[in-house]
Protein backbone atom coordinates (compact mmCIF):
# COMPACT_ATOMS: atom_id res chain seq x y z
CA UNK A 1 52.18 98.85 68.59
CA UNK A 2 54.71 101.34 67.25
CA UNK A 3 58.33 101.76 68.32
CA UNK A 4 60.18 104.94 67.45
CA UNK A 5 63.97 104.86 67.35
CA UNK A 6 65.97 108.04 67.41
CA UNK A 7 69.68 108.58 67.09
CA UNK A 8 69.41 111.70 69.23
CA UNK A 9 69.37 110.92 72.95
CA UNK A 10 67.99 113.30 75.54
CA UNK A 11 71.38 113.65 77.25
CA UNK A 12 72.66 117.16 77.86
CA UNK A 13 75.83 118.06 75.92
CA UNK A 14 77.67 118.79 79.19
CA UNK A 15 77.07 115.18 80.36
CA UNK A 16 78.33 113.79 77.06
CA UNK A 17 81.49 115.92 77.32
CA UNK A 18 82.03 114.70 80.89
CA UNK A 19 81.58 111.06 79.81
CA UNK A 20 84.13 111.53 77.02
CA UNK A 21 86.57 113.09 79.49
CA UNK A 22 86.29 110.14 81.86
CA UNK A 23 86.73 107.64 79.05
CA UNK A 24 89.91 109.30 77.79
CA UNK A 25 91.83 109.26 81.10
CA UNK A 26 94.41 106.55 81.80
CA UNK A 27 95.29 106.17 85.50
CA UNK A 28 98.86 106.34 86.75
CA UNK A 29 100.51 102.97 87.47
CA UNK A 30 103.21 102.29 90.09
CA UNK A 31 106.61 101.37 88.63
CA UNK A 32 108.92 101.69 91.61
CA UNK A 33 107.43 101.05 95.02
CA UNK A 34 108.89 99.67 98.19
CA UNK A 35 106.93 98.84 101.30
CA UNK A 36 107.59 100.99 104.35
CA UNK A 37 110.08 99.67 106.88
CA UNK A 38 108.42 98.26 109.98
CA UNK A 39 109.33 100.65 112.81
CA UNK A 40 111.55 98.80 115.28
CA UNK A 41 109.94 100.66 118.21
CA UNK A 42 106.53 99.28 117.22
CA UNK A 43 107.91 95.79 116.56
CA UNK A 44 109.54 95.64 120.00
CA UNK A 45 106.18 96.42 121.60
CA UNK A 46 104.30 93.97 119.35
CA UNK A 47 102.25 96.79 117.78
CA UNK A 48 100.36 96.30 114.52
CA UNK A 49 98.28 98.79 112.57
CA UNK A 50 97.57 100.54 109.30
CA UNK A 51 97.89 103.93 107.61
CA UNK A 52 95.52 105.33 104.97
CA UNK A 53 97.04 107.97 102.72
CA UNK A 54 96.04 110.38 99.99
CA UNK A 55 98.46 111.97 97.51
CA UNK A 56 98.93 113.50 94.06
CA UNK A 57 100.90 111.85 91.27
CA UNK A 58 102.71 114.56 89.33
CA UNK A 59 103.26 114.65 85.56
CA UNK A 60 106.77 113.20 86.03
CA UNK A 61 105.38 110.27 88.08
CA UNK A 62 106.59 111.52 91.45
CA UNK A 63 104.41 111.68 94.56
CA UNK A 64 103.32 115.11 95.77
CA UNK A 65 101.64 116.18 99.00
CA UNK A 66 101.26 112.80 100.72
CA UNK A 67 98.78 113.13 103.57
CA UNK A 68 97.74 110.70 106.27
CA UNK A 69 93.94 110.38 106.17
CA UNK A 70 93.60 107.94 109.06
CA UNK A 71 95.72 105.44 110.97
CA UNK A 72 95.71 102.97 113.81
CA UNK A 73 98.34 101.29 115.90
CA UNK A 74 101.29 103.64 116.31
CA UNK A 75 102.40 107.10 115.19
CA UNK A 76 105.65 105.51 113.98
CA UNK A 77 103.60 103.77 111.24
CA UNK A 78 102.56 107.18 109.88
CA UNK A 79 106.17 108.37 109.70
CA UNK A 80 107.28 105.14 107.99
CA UNK A 81 104.43 105.32 105.47
CA UNK A 82 105.19 108.95 104.62
CA UNK A 83 108.91 108.22 104.14
CA UNK A 84 108.13 105.28 101.85
CA UNK A 85 105.43 106.89 99.67
CA UNK A 86 107.61 109.94 98.94
CA UNK A 87 110.05 107.60 97.15
CA UNK A 88 107.47 105.84 94.97
CA UNK A 89 107.44 106.45 91.20
CA UNK A 90 104.54 106.06 88.79
CA UNK A 91 103.93 106.20 85.09
CA UNK A 92 101.93 109.44 84.95
CA UNK A 93 98.22 109.56 84.24
CA UNK A 94 97.17 110.60 80.76
CA UNK A 95 94.24 112.44 79.26
CA UNK A 96 93.88 112.27 75.49
CA UNK A 97 97.54 111.21 75.24
CA UNK A 98 98.81 114.14 77.34
CA UNK A 99 100.34 113.55 80.78
CA UNK A 100 98.38 115.04 83.68
CA UNK A 101 98.47 115.09 87.45
CA UNK A 102 96.39 112.43 89.15
CA UNK A 103 94.79 113.88 92.26
CA UNK A 104 93.24 112.19 95.28
CA UNK A 105 95.08 108.89 94.88
CA UNK A 106 94.47 106.75 97.96
CA UNK A 107 96.09 103.65 99.43
CA UNK A 108 96.50 101.84 102.71
CA UNK A 109 99.64 100.36 104.22
CA UNK A 110 99.06 97.48 106.63
CA UNK A 111 101.68 96.85 109.29
CA UNK A 112 101.66 93.28 110.57
CA UNK A 113 104.37 91.60 112.62
CA UNK A 114 104.17 88.27 110.81
CA UNK A 115 104.65 88.16 107.05
CA UNK A 116 101.30 86.71 106.04
CA UNK A 117 99.27 89.86 106.73
CA UNK A 118 97.29 88.60 109.72
CA UNK A 119 97.70 89.15 113.43
CA UNK A 120 99.61 86.68 115.56
CA UNK A 121 96.40 85.84 117.47
CA UNK A 122 94.54 84.94 114.27
CA UNK A 123 97.53 83.01 112.93
CA UNK A 124 97.70 80.92 116.13
CA UNK A 125 93.94 80.17 115.97
CA UNK A 126 94.12 79.31 112.25
CA UNK A 127 97.07 76.94 112.71
CA UNK A 128 95.32 75.18 115.62
CA UNK A 129 92.10 74.84 113.61
CA UNK A 130 93.95 73.52 110.57
CA UNK A 131 95.65 70.89 112.73
CA UNK A 132 92.31 69.79 114.23
CA UNK A 133 90.73 69.55 110.79
CA UNK A 134 93.69 67.58 109.48
CA UNK A 135 93.28 65.12 112.35
CA UNK A 136 89.51 64.95 111.72
CA UNK A 137 88.79 66.54 115.09
CA UNK A 138 86.61 69.39 113.85
CA UNK A 139 84.21 68.85 116.77
CA UNK A 140 86.92 70.28 119.09
CA UNK A 141 86.78 73.64 117.28
CA UNK A 142 83.73 74.65 119.29
CA UNK A 143 81.90 75.97 116.23
CA UNK A 144 78.74 73.91 116.69
């Protein structure tokens, strides 16, 4: 049996250039970010939801063209998310040591009334289940 090794791969030059480009890019990193304020109108009604956004990070680290991609819960969440993201600052992205814009950056803000990121209904169930397990009454969970 004979094995032939070659230092020349059958990869087109354009693919190699693209691979080098991807390898030389450093993503932007957030340095000053504050969560959106929970809209009082939504809090009064017990509303929860989320907002997915897309935006550009400019060469000075500021946010450009924030856009709501999708959302659920309340229109007030969209307004709060847009107000907040416009104030965020990033270290800019770099390509070969030069600062560049980072396009199509995406994130999601979750709006939850309680501070642990879950709905009140889930939190109530979890706390009840934890108490039953602590008291060795797992059979009362109704999971069997």
